[in-house]
């Protein structure tokens, strides 16, 4: 059996970028071990909020390891073309248990 600190839970989130400003995927701390960013409807830029030169096209997936969803930002690649990001991640089970106690 794994140590409690290494147990993982599944997490999923969908966000449609409804304006052309740079925004975080979430404003809450959500640590993750592994995360896939899927792009639907229209292409998106992604980055740390100040550097937004990487982009993801419709149908592509970008992989991230060991981070916090609050630190990843997205922006529409083409003004007025709202993109949809779907996040699938594994998060620490202890984090989930702590949040469920609220």
PDB file of N, CA and C in Angstrom:
ATOM      1  N   UNK A   1       0.832  -1.187   0.000  1.00  0.00           N
ATOM      2  CA  UNK A   1       0.000   0.000   0.000  1.00  0.00           C
ATOM      3  C   UNK A   1       0.873   1.246   0.000  1.00  0.00           C
ATOM      4  N   UNK A   2       0.429   2.275  -0.712  1.00  0.00           N
ATOM      5  CA  UNK A   2       1.169   3.531  -0.764  1.00  0.00           C
ATOM      6  C   UNK A   2       1.038   4.285   0.552  1.00  0.00           C
ATOM      7  N   UNK A   3       2.029   5.159   0.827  1.00  0.00           N
ATOM      8  CA  UNK A   3       1.925   6.049   1.978  1.00  0.00           C
ATOM      9  C   UNK A   3       0.746   6.993   1.740  1.00  0.00           C
ATOM     10  N   UNK A   4       0.067   7.442   2.792  1.00  0.00           N
ATOM     11  CA  UNK A   4      -1.068   8.356   2.609  1.00  0.00           C
ATOM     12  C   UNK A   4      -0.702   9.612   1.826  1.00  0.00           C
ATOM     13  N   UNK A   5       0.517  10.105   1.963  1.00  0.00           N
ATOM     14  CA  UNK A   5       0.902  11.338   1.280  1.00  0.00           C
ATOM     15  C   UNK A   5       1.038  11.156  -0.234  1.00  0.00           C
ATOM     16  N   UNK A   6       1.127   9.906  -0.697  1.00  0.00           N
ATOM     17  CA  UNK A   6       1.289   9.683  -2.127  1.00  0.00           C
ATOM     18  C   UNK A   6       0.024   9.158  -2.796  1.00  0.00           C
ATOM     19  N   UNK A   7      -1.047   8.948  -2.015  1.00  0.00           N
ATOM     20  CA  UNK A   7      -2.300   8.502  -2.605  1.00  0.00           C
ATOM     21  C   UNK A   7      -2.877   9.617  -3.465  1.00  0.00           C
ATOM     22  N   UNK A   8      -3.485   9.241  -4.574  1.00  0.00           N
ATOM     23  CA  UNK A   8      -4.005  10.260  -5.481  1.00  0.00           C
ATOM     24  C   UNK A   8      -5.495  10.097  -5.709  1.00  0.00           C
ATOM     25  N   UNK A   9      -6.124  11.216  -6.003  1.00  0.00           N
ATOM     26  CA  UNK A   9      -7.535  11.251  -6.353  1.00  0.00           C
ATOM     27  C   UNK A   9      -7.659  11.899  -7.721  1.00  0.00           C
ATOM     28  N   UNK A  10      -8.740  11.597  -8.398  1.00  0.00           N
ATOM     29  CA  UNK A  10      -8.998  12.112  -9.736  1.00  0.00           C
ATOM     30  C   UNK A  10      -9.709  13.462  -9.641  1.00  0.00           C
ATOM     31  N   UNK A  11      -9.332  14.403 -10.503  1.00  0.00           N
ATOM     32  CA  UNK A  11      -9.949  15.733 -10.517  1.00  0.00           C
ATOM     33  C   UNK A  11     -10.176  16.156 -11.963  1.00  0.00           C
ATOM     34  N   UNK A  12     -11.319  16.777 -12.227  1.00  0.00           N
ATOM     35  CA  UNK A  12     -11.626  17.253 -13.578  1.00  0.00           C
ATOM     36  C   UNK A  12     -12.294  18.619 -13.486  1.00  0.00           C
ATOM     37  N   UNK A  13     -12.005  19.476 -14.476  1.00  0.00           N
ATOM     38  CA  UNK A  13     -12.542  20.836 -14.506  1.00  0.00           C
ATOM     39  C   UNK A  13     -12.666  21.280 -15.949  1.00  0.00           C
ATOM     40  N   UNK A  14     -13.734  21.967 -16.266  1.00  0.00           N
ATOM     41  CA  UNK A  14     -13.930  22.529 -17.600  1.00  0.00           C
ATOM     42  C   UNK A  14     -14.071  24.033 -17.476  1.00  0.00           C
ATOM     43  N   UNK A  15     -13.374  24.778 -18.344  1.00  0.00           N
ATOM     44  CA  UNK A  15     -13.454  26.240 -18.311  1.00  0.00           C
ATOM     45  C   UNK A  15     -13.519  26.766 -19.733  1.00  0.00           C
ATOM     46  N   UNK A  16     -14.520  27.597 -20.006  1.00  0.00           N
ATOM     47  CA  UNK A  16     -14.604  28.287 -21.295  1.00  0.00           C
ATOM     48  C   UNK A  16     -14.084  29.699 -21.100  1.00  0.00           C
ATOM     49  N   UNK A  17     -13.116  30.079 -21.905  1.00  0.00           N
ATOM     50  CA  UNK A  17     -12.518  31.412 -21.839  1.00  0.00           C
ATOM     51  C   UNK A  17     -13.464  32.377 -22.551  1.00  0.00           C
ATOM     52  N   UNK A  18     -14.222  33.176 -21.787  1.00  0.00           N
ATOM     53  CA  UNK A  18     -15.282  34.003 -22.370  1.00  0.00           C
ATOM     54  C   UNK A  18     -14.862  35.420 -22.714  1.00  0.00           C
ATOM     55  N   UNK A  19     -13.621  35.782 -22.421  1.00  0.00           N
ATOM     56  CA  UNK A  19     -13.122  37.083 -22.860  1.00  0.00           C
ATOM     57  C   UNK A  19     -11.678  36.924 -23.323  1.00  0.00           C
ATOM     58  N   UNK A  20     -11.066  38.010 -23.732  1.00  0.00           N
ATOM     59  CA  UNK A  20      -9.728  37.918 -24.328  1.00  0.00           C
ATOM     60  C   UNK A  20      -8.614  38.339 -23.375  1.00  0.00           C
ATOM     61  N   UNK A  21      -8.875  38.273 -22.080  1.00  0.00           N
ATOM     62  CA  UNK A  21      -7.848  38.600 -21.100  1.00  0.00           C
ATOM     63  C   UNK A  21      -7.203  37.319 -20.575  1.00  0.00           C
ATOM     64  N   UNK A  22      -6.034  37.473 -19.992  1.00  0.00           N
ATOM     65  CA  UNK A  22      -5.323  36.347 -19.390  1.00  0.00           C
ATOM     66  C   UNK A  22      -5.936  36.055 -18.024  1.00  0.00           C
ATOM     67  N   UNK A  23      -6.389  34.814 -17.814  1.00  0.00           N
ATOM     68  CA  UNK A  23      -6.992  34.442 -16.535  1.00  0.00           C
ATOM     69  C   UNK A  23      -6.460  33.089 -16.066  1.00  0.00           C
ATOM     70  N   UNK A  24      -6.400  32.898 -14.740  1.00  0.00           N
ATOM     71  CA  UNK A  24      -5.959  31.590 -14.230  1.00  0.00           C
ATOM     72  C   UNK A  24      -7.025  30.532 -14.498  1.00  0.00           C
ATOM     73  N   UNK A  25      -6.601  29.294 -14.624  1.00  0.00           N
ATOM     74  CA  UNK A  25      -7.544  28.198 -14.807  1.00  0.00           C
ATOM     75  C   UNK A  25      -8.504  28.162 -13.621  1.00  0.00           C
ATOM     76  N   UNK A  26      -7.989  28.412 -12.424  1.00  0.00           N
ATOM     77  CA  UNK A  26      -8.810  28.508 -11.216  1.00  0.00           C
ATOM     78  C   UNK A  26      -8.154  29.505 -10.281  1.00  0.00           C
ATOM     79  N   UNK A  27      -8.929  30.104  -9.422  1.00  0.00           N
ATOM     80  CA  UNK A  27      -8.373  31.036  -8.446  1.00  0.00           C
ATOM     81  C   UNK A  27      -8.089  30.353  -7.112  1.00  0.00           C
ATOM     82  N   UNK A  28      -8.320  29.053  -7.038  1.00  0.00           N
ATOM     83  CA  UNK A  28      -8.103  28.288  -5.815  1.00  0.00           C
ATOM     84  C   UNK A  28      -6.836  27.453  -5.944  1.00  0.00           C
ATOM     85  N   UNK A  29      -6.172  27.225  -4.812  1.00  0.00           N
ATOM     86  CA  UNK A  29      -5.022  26.320  -4.799  1.00  0.00           C
ATOM     87  C   UNK A  29      -5.512  24.902  -5.037  1.00  0.00           C
ATOM     88  N   UNK A  30      -5.055  24.300  -6.127  1.00  0.00           N
ATOM     89  CA  UNK A  30      -5.350  22.897  -6.401  1.00  0.00           C
ATOM     90  C   UNK A  30      -4.040  22.253  -6.867  1.00  0.00           C
ATOM     91  N   UNK A  31      -3.300  21.655  -5.926  1.00  0.00           N
ATOM     92  CA  UNK A  31      -2.043  21.012  -6.301  1.00  0.00           C
ATOM     93  C   UNK A  31      -2.321  19.756  -7.115  1.00  0.00           C
ATOM     94  N   UNK A  32      -1.404  19.448  -8.027  1.00  0.00           N
ATOM     95  CA  UNK A  32      -1.578  18.240  -8.826  1.00  0.00           C
ATOM     96  C   UNK A  32      -0.252  17.517  -9.007  1.00  0.00           C
ATOM     97  N   UNK A  33      -0.342  16.194  -9.228  1.00  0.00           N
ATOM     98  CA  UNK A  33       0.824  15.388  -9.589  1.00  0.00           C
ATOM     99  C   UNK A  33       0.982  15.361 -11.100  1.00  0.00           C
ATOM    100  N   UNK A  34      -0.093  15.033 -11.790  1.00  0.00           N
ATOM    101  CA  UNK A  34      -0.112  14.983 -13.249  1.00  0.00           C
ATOM    102  C   UNK A  34      -1.365  15.718 -13.714  1.00  0.00           C
ATOM    103  N   UNK A  35      -1.245  16.459 -14.829  1.00  0.00           N
ATOM    104  CA  UNK A  35      -2.394  17.195 -15.338  1.00  0.00           C
ATOM    105  C   UNK A  35      -2.327  17.234 -16.859  1.00  0.00           C
ATOM    106  N   UNK A  36      -3.474  16.988 -17.481  1.00  0.00           N
ATOM    107  CA  UNK A  36      -3.609  17.130 -18.928  1.00  0.00           C
ATOM    108  C   UNK A  36      -4.543  18.292 -19.206  1.00  0.00           C
ATOM    109  N   UNK A  37      -4.120  19.191 -20.107  1.00  0.00           N
ATOM    110  CA  UNK A  37      -4.932  20.318 -20.548  1.00  0.00           C
ATOM    111  C   UNK A  37      -5.407  20.004 -21.961  1.00  0.00           C
ATOM    112  N   UNK A  38      -6.707  19.796 -22.122  1.00  0.00           N
ATOM    113  CA  UNK A  38      -7.312  19.492 -23.414  1.00  0.00           C
ATOM    114  C   UNK A  38      -7.923  20.775 -23.964  1.00  0.00           C
ATOM    115  N   UNK A  39      -7.844  20.990 -25.268  1.00  0.00           N
ATOM    116  CA  UNK A  39      -8.383  22.194 -25.898  1.00  0.00           C
ATOM    117  C   UNK A  39      -9.540  21.831 -26.827  1.00  0.00           C
ATOM    118  N   UNK A  40     -10.678  22.535 -26.646  1.00  0.00           N
ATOM    119  CA  UNK A  40     -11.863  22.344 -27.481  1.00  0.00           C
ATOM    120  C   UNK A  40     -12.329  23.694 -28.026  1.00  0.00           C
ATOM    121  N   UNK A  41     -13.084  23.700 -29.047  1.00  0.00           N
ATOM    122  CA  UNK A  41     -13.757  24.829 -29.714  1.00  0.00           C
ATOM    123  C   UNK A  41     -12.815  25.798 -30.413  1.00  0.00           C
ATOM    124  N   UNK A  42     -11.852  26.430 -29.715  1.00  0.00           N
ATOM    125  CA  UNK A  42     -10.910  27.367 -30.333  1.00  0.00           C
ATOM    126  C   UNK A  42      -9.571  27.317 -29.605  1.00  0.00           C
ATOM    127  N   UNK A  43      -8.502  27.662 -30.318  1.00  0.00           N
ATOM    128  CA  UNK A  43      -7.143  27.597 -29.760  1.00  0.00           C
ATOM    129  C   UNK A  43      -6.974  28.566 -28.595  1.00  0.00           C
ATOM    130  N   UNK A  44      -6.070  28.190 -27.673  1.00  0.00           N
ATOM    131  CA  UNK A  44      -5.789  28.980 -26.481  1.00  0.00           C
ATOM    132  C   UNK A  44      -4.289  29.178 -26.297  1.00  0.00           C
ATOM    133  N   UNK A  45      -3.906  30.349 -25.778  1.00  0.00           N
ATOM    134  CA  UNK A  45      -2.560  30.537 -25.252  1.00  0.00           C
ATOM    135  C   UNK A  45      -2.562  30.030 -23.824  1.00  0.00           C
ATOM    136  N   UNK A  46      -1.416  29.547 -23.341  1.00  0.00           N
ATOM    137  CA  UNK A  46      -1.293  29.176 -21.936  1.00  0.00           C
ATOM    138  C   UNK A  46       0.093  29.561 -21.444  1.00  0.00           C
ATOM    139  N   UNK A  47       0.197  29.778 -20.134  1.00  0.00           N
ATOM    140  CA  UNK A  47       1.477  30.158 -19.556  1.00  0.00           C
ATOM    141  C   UNK A  47       1.325  30.520 -18.093  1.00  0.00           C
ATOM    142  N   UNK A  48       2.283  31.326 -17.591  1.00  0.00           N
ATOM    143  CA  UNK A  48       2.294  31.675 -16.169  1.00  0.00           C
ATOM    144  C   UNK A  48       1.604  33.006 -15.872  1.00  0.00           C
ATOM    145  N   UNK A  49       0.960  33.595 -16.841  1.00  0.00           N
ATOM    146  CA  UNK A  49       0.261  34.859 -16.654  1.00  0.00           C
ATOM    147  C   UNK A  49       1.010  36.033 -17.234  1.00  0.00           C
ATOM    148  N   UNK A  50       2.348  36.027 -17.153  1.00  0.00           N
ATOM    149  CA  UNK A  50       3.125  37.108 -17.750  1.00  0.00           C
ATOM    150  C   UNK A  50       3.708  36.679 -19.094  1.00  0.00           C
ATOM    151  N   UNK A  51       4.071  35.409 -19.211  1.00  0.00           N
ATOM    152  CA  UNK A  51       4.546  34.856 -20.482  1.00  0.00           C
ATOM    153  C   UNK A  51       3.452  33.942 -21.012  1.00  0.00           C
ATOM    154  N   UNK A  52       2.877  34.321 -22.167  1.00  0.00           N
ATOM    155  CA  UNK A  52       1.748  33.579 -22.733  1.00  0.00           C
ATOM    156  C   UNK A  52       2.020  33.250 -24.200  1.00  0.00           C
ATOM    157  N   UNK A  53       3.227  32.800 -24.512  1.00  0.00           N
ATOM    158  CA  UNK A  53       3.593  32.569 -25.909  1.00  0.00           C
ATOM    159  C   UNK A  53       3.321  31.141 -26.382  1.00  0.00           C
ATOM    160  N   UNK A  54       3.092  30.214 -25.459  1.00  0.00           N
ATOM    161  CA  UNK A  54       2.769  28.835 -25.854  1.00  0.00           C
ATOM    162  C   UNK A  54       1.280  28.755 -26.164  1.00  0.00           C
ATOM    163  N   UNK A  55       0.928  27.938 -27.142  1.00  0.00           N
ATOM    164  CA  UNK A  55      -0.498  27.787 -27.442  1.00  0.00           C
ATOM    165  C   UNK A  55      -0.835  26.337 -27.713  1.00  0.00           C
ATOM    166  N   UNK A  56      -2.126  26.070 -27.592  1.00  0.00           N
ATOM    167  CA  UNK A  56      -2.651  24.729 -27.812  1.00  0.00           C
ATOM    168  C   UNK A  56      -3.790  24.842 -28.816  1.00  0.00           C
ATOM    169  N   UNK A  57      -3.760  23.997 -29.820  1.00  0.00           N
ATOM    170  CA  UNK A  57      -4.794  23.993 -30.853  1.00  0.00           C
ATOM    171  C   UNK A  57      -5.939  23.062 -30.477  1.00  0.00           C
ATOM    172  N   UNK A  58      -7.058  23.237 -31.131  1.00  0.00           N
ATOM    173  CA  UNK A  58      -8.233  22.393 -30.907  1.00  0.00           C
ATOM    174  C   UNK A  58      -7.852  20.930 -31.126  1.00  0.00           C
ATOM    175  N   UNK A  59      -8.224  20.084 -30.179  1.00  0.00           N
ATOM    176  CA  UNK A  59      -7.947  18.651 -30.282  1.00  0.00           C
ATOM    177  C   UNK A  59      -6.623  18.232 -29.700  1.00  0.00           C
ATOM    178  N   UNK A  60      -5.769  19.192 -29.316  1.00  0.00           N
ATOM    179  CA  UNK A  60      -4.468  18.860 -28.735  1.00  0.00           C
ATOM    180  C   UNK A  60      -4.561  18.719 -27.221  1.00  0.00           C
ATOM    181  N   UNK A  61      -3.538  18.085 -26.647  1.00  0.00           N
ATOM    182  CA  UNK A  61      -3.439  17.894 -25.202  1.00  0.00           C
ATOM    183  C   UNK A  61      -2.025  18.273 -24.773  1.00  0.00           C
ATOM    184  N   UNK A  62      -1.917  19.050 -23.688  1.00  0.00           N
ATOM    185  CA  UNK A  62      -0.625  19.417 -23.117  1.00  0.00           C
ATOM    186  C   UNK A  62      -0.529  18.768 -21.746  1.00  0.00           C
ATOM    187  N   UNK A  63       0.625  18.201 -21.433  1.00  0.00           N
ATOM    188  CA  UNK A  63       0.846  17.472 -20.187  1.00  0.00           C
ATOM    189  C   UNK A  63       1.698  18.313 -19.233  1.00  0.00           C
ATOM    190  N   UNK A  64       1.294  18.380 -17.959  1.00  0.00           N
ATOM    191  CA  UNK A  64       2.056  19.061 -16.917  1.00  0.00           C
ATOM    192  C   UNK A  64       2.282  18.089 -15.765  1.00  0.00           C
ATOM    193  N   UNK A  65       3.362  18.290 -15.033  1.00  0.00           N
ATOM    194  CA  UNK A  65       3.678  17.416 -13.898  1.00  0.00           C
ATOM    195  C   UNK A  65       4.024  18.280 -12.686  1.00  0.00           C
ATOM    196  N   UNK A  66       3.466  17.907 -11.532  1.00  0.00           N
ATOM    197  CA  UNK A  66       3.789  18.529 -10.242  1.00  0.00           C
ATOM    198  C   UNK A  66       3.666  20.051 -10.249  1.00  0.00           C
ATOM    199  N   UNK A  67       2.471  20.530  -9.992  1.00  0.00           N
ATOM    200  CA  UNK A  67       2.258  21.963  -9.961  1.00  0.00           C
ATOM    201  C   UNK A  67       0.981  22.329  -9.228  1.00  0.00           C
ATOM    202  N   UNK A  68       0.511  23.551  -9.499  1.00  0.00           N
ATOM    203  CA  UNK A  68      -0.703  24.073  -8.898  1.00  0.00           C
ATOM    204  C   UNK A  68      -1.536  24.681 -10.029  1.00  0.00           C
ATOM    205  N   UNK A  69      -2.791  24.276 -10.132  1.00  0.00           N
ATOM    206  CA  UNK A  69      -3.639  24.788 -11.217  1.00  0.00           C
ATOM    207  C   UNK A  69      -3.776  26.297 -11.176  1.00  0.00           C
ATOM    208  N   UNK A  70      -3.681  26.893  -9.996  1.00  0.00           N
ATOM    209  CA  UNK A  70      -3.799  28.345  -9.868  1.00  0.00           C
ATOM    210  C   UNK A  70      -2.662  29.077 -10.599  1.00  0.00           C
ATOM    211  N   UNK A  71      -1.553  28.407 -10.838  1.00  0.00           N
ATOM    212  CA  UNK A  71      -0.386  29.028 -11.468  1.00  0.00           C
ATOM    213  C   UNK A  71      -0.395  28.924 -12.993  1.00  0.00           C
ATOM    214  N   UNK A  72      -1.408  28.296 -13.569  1.00  0.00           N
ATOM    215  CA  UNK A  72      -1.490  28.134 -15.028  1.00  0.00           C
ATOM    216  C   UNK A  72      -2.613  29.027 -15.552  1.00  0.00           C
ATOM    217  N   UNK A  73      -2.277  29.861 -16.531  1.00  0.00           N
ATOM    218  CA  UNK A  73      -3.210  30.833 -17.090  1.00  0.00           C
ATOM    219  C   UNK A  73      -3.524  30.488 -18.537  1.00  0.00           C
ATOM    220  N   UNK A  74      -4.703  30.904 -19.000  1.00  0.00           N
ATOM    221  CA  UNK A  74      -5.080  30.726 -20.401  1.00  0.00           C
ATOM    222  C   UNK A  74      -5.632  32.035 -20.953  1.00  0.00           C
ATOM    223  N   UNK A  75      -5.639  32.125 -22.278  1.00  0.00           N
ATOM    224  CA  UNK A  75      -6.148  33.301 -22.985  1.00  0.00           C
ATOM    225  C   UNK A  75      -6.547  32.846 -24.382  1.00  0.00           C
ATOM    226  N   UNK A  76      -7.606  33.421 -24.941  1.00  0.00           N
ATOM    227  CA  UNK A  76      -7.988  33.088 -26.317  1.00  0.00           C
ATOM    228  C   UNK A  76      -6.855  33.438 -27.263  1.00  0.00           C
ATOM    229  N   UNK A  77      -6.540  32.544 -28.186  1.00  0.00           N
ATOM    230  CA  UNK A  77      -5.490  32.821 -29.163  1.00  0.00           C
ATOM    231  C   UNK A  77      -5.965  33.849 -30.183  1.00  0.00           C
ATOM    232  N   UNK A  78      -7.226  33.755 -30.568  1.00  0.00           N
ATOM    233  CA  UNK A  78      -7.817  34.702 -31.514  1.00  0.00           C
ATOM    234  C   UNK A  78      -8.902  35.486 -30.780  1.00  0.00           C
ATOM    235  N   UNK A  79      -8.802  36.812 -30.799  1.00  0.00           N
ATOM    236  CA  UNK A  79      -9.779  37.651 -30.113  1.00  0.00           C
ATOM    237  C   UNK A  79     -11.199  37.298 -30.549  1.00  0.00           C
ATOM    238  N   UNK A  80     -12.079  37.145 -29.567  1.00  0.00           N
ATOM    239  CA  UNK A  80     -13.476  36.849 -29.850  1.00  0.00           C
ATOM    240  C   UNK A  80     -13.787  35.387 -30.110  1.00  0.00           C
ATOM    241  N   UNK A  81     -12.773  34.551 -30.178  1.00  0.00           N
ATOM    242  CA  UNK A  81     -12.979  33.118 -30.421  1.00  0.00           C
ATOM    243  C   UNK A  81     -12.773  32.363 -29.116  1.00  0.00           C
ATOM    244  N   UNK A  82     -13.853  32.190 -28.365  1.00  0.00           N
ATOM    245  CA  UNK A  82     -13.772  31.586 -27.030  1.00  0.00           C
ATOM    246  C   UNK A  82     -13.333  30.128 -27.098  1.00  0.00           C
ATOM    247  N   UNK A  83     -12.256  29.829 -26.397  1.00  0.00           N
ATOM    248  CA  UNK A  83     -11.748  28.472 -26.326  1.00  0.00           C
ATOM    249  C   UNK A  83     -12.208  27.787 -25.055  1.00  0.00           C
ATOM    250  N   UNK A  84     -12.313  26.482 -25.106  1.00  0.00           N
ATOM    251  CA  UNK A  84     -12.682  25.700 -23.928  1.00  0.00           C
ATOM    252  C   UNK A  84     -11.515  24.821 -23.533  1.00  0.00           C
ATOM    253  N   UNK A  85     -11.143  24.901 -22.249  1.00  0.00           N
ATOM    254  CA  UNK A  85     -10.096  24.049 -21.694  1.00  0.00           C
ATOM    255  C   UNK A  85     -10.742  23.029 -20.778  1.00  0.00           C
ATOM    256  N   UNK A  86     -10.329  21.772 -20.906  1.00  0.00           N
ATOM    257  CA  UNK A  86     -10.770  20.731 -19.986  1.00  0.00           C
ATOM    258  C   UNK A  86      -9.521  20.199 -19.299  1.00  0.00           C
ATOM    259  N   UNK A  87      -9.560  20.220 -17.978  1.00  0.00           N
ATOM    260  CA  UNK A  87      -8.430  19.813 -17.158  1.00  0.00           C
ATOM    261  C   UNK A  87      -8.745  18.452 -16.537  1.00  0.00           C
ATOM    262  N   UNK A  88      -7.818  17.530 -16.661  1.00  0.00           N
ATOM    263  CA  UNK A  88      -7.922  16.229 -16.008  1.00  0.00           C
ATOM    264  C   UNK A  88      -6.620  16.042 -15.237  1.00  0.00           C
ATOM    265  N   UNK A  89      -6.741  15.807 -13.917  1.00  0.00           N
ATOM    266  CA  UNK A  89      -5.541  15.764 -13.089  1.00  0.00           C
ATOM    267  C   UNK A  89      -5.646  14.728 -11.981  1.00  0.00           C
ATOM    268  N   UNK A  90      -4.493  14.355 -11.456  1.00  0.00           N
ATOM    269  CA  UNK A  90      -4.448  13.590 -10.223  1.00  0.00           C
ATOM    270  C   UNK A  90      -3.970  14.548  -9.136  1.00  0.00           C
ATOM    271  N   UNK A  91      -4.687  14.563  -8.024  1.00  0.00           N
ATOM    272  CA  UNK A  91      -4.364  15.450  -6.909  1.00  0.00           C
ATOM    273  C   UNK A  91      -4.132  14.603  -5.661  1.00  0.00           C
ATOM    274  N   UNK A  92      -3.397  15.137  -4.669  1.00  0.00           N
ATOM    275  CA  UNK A  92      -3.162  14.375  -3.438  1.00  0.00           C
ATOM    276  C   UNK A  92      -4.480  14.088  -2.714  1.00  0.00           C
ATOM    277  N   UNK A  93      -4.679  12.856  -2.321  1.00  0.00           N
ATOM    278  CA  UNK A  93      -5.896  12.471  -1.609  1.00  0.00           C
ATOM    279  C   UNK A  93      -6.053  13.275  -0.324  1.00  0.00           C
ATOM    280  N   UNK A  94      -4.962  13.551   0.378  1.00  0.00           N
ATOM    281  CA  UNK A  94      -5.036  14.342   1.611  1.00  0.00           C
ATOM    282  C   UNK A  94      -5.610  15.730   1.326  1.00  0.00           C
ATOM    283  N   UNK A  95      -5.289  16.317   0.174  1.00  0.00           N
ATOM    284  CA  UNK A  95      -5.838  17.614  -0.215  1.00  0.00           C
ATOM    285  C   UNK A  95      -7.349  17.513  -0.371  1.00  0.00           C
ATOM    286  N   UNK A  96      -7.814  16.464  -1.013  1.00  0.00           N
ATOM    287  CA  UNK A  96      -9.261  16.260  -1.225  1.00  0.00           C
ATOM    288  C   UNK A  96      -9.957  16.065   0.113  1.00  0.00           C
ATOM    289  N   UNK A  97      -9.400  15.230   0.976  1.00  0.00           N
ATOM    290  CA  UNK A  97     -10.004  14.993   2.287  1.00  0.00           C
ATOM    291  C   UNK A  97     -10.119  16.288   3.084  1.00  0.00           C
ATOM    292  N   UNK A  98      -9.075  17.107   3.029  1.00  0.00           N
ATOM    293  CA  UNK A  98      -9.077  18.380   3.752  1.00  0.00           C
ATOM    294  C   UNK A  98     -10.191  19.299   3.237  1.00  0.00           C
ATOM    295  N   UNK A  99     -10.371  19.371   1.939  1.00  0.00           N
ATOM    296  CA  UNK A  99     -11.405  20.223   1.343  1.00  0.00           C
ATOM    297  C   UNK A  99     -12.809  19.715   1.657  1.00  0.00           C
ATOM    298  N   UNK A 100     -12.977  18.422   1.735  1.00  0.00           N
ATOM    299  CA  UNK A 100     -14.295  17.853   2.009  1.00  0.00           C
ATOM    300  C   UNK A 100     -14.721  18.072   3.462  1.00  0.00           C
ATOM    301  N   UNK A 101     -13.784  18.400   4.338  1.00  0.00           N
ATOM    302  CA  UNK A 101     -14.111  18.652   5.741  1.00  0.00           C
ATOM    303  C   UNK A 101     -14.708  20.035   5.953  1.00  0.00           C
ATOM    304  N   UNK A 102     -14.703  20.878   4.941  1.00  0.00           N
ATOM    305  CA  UNK A 102     -15.206  22.261   5.096  1.00  0.00           C
ATOM    306  C   UNK A 102     -16.665  22.309   5.434  1.00  0.00           C
TER     307      UNK A 102
END
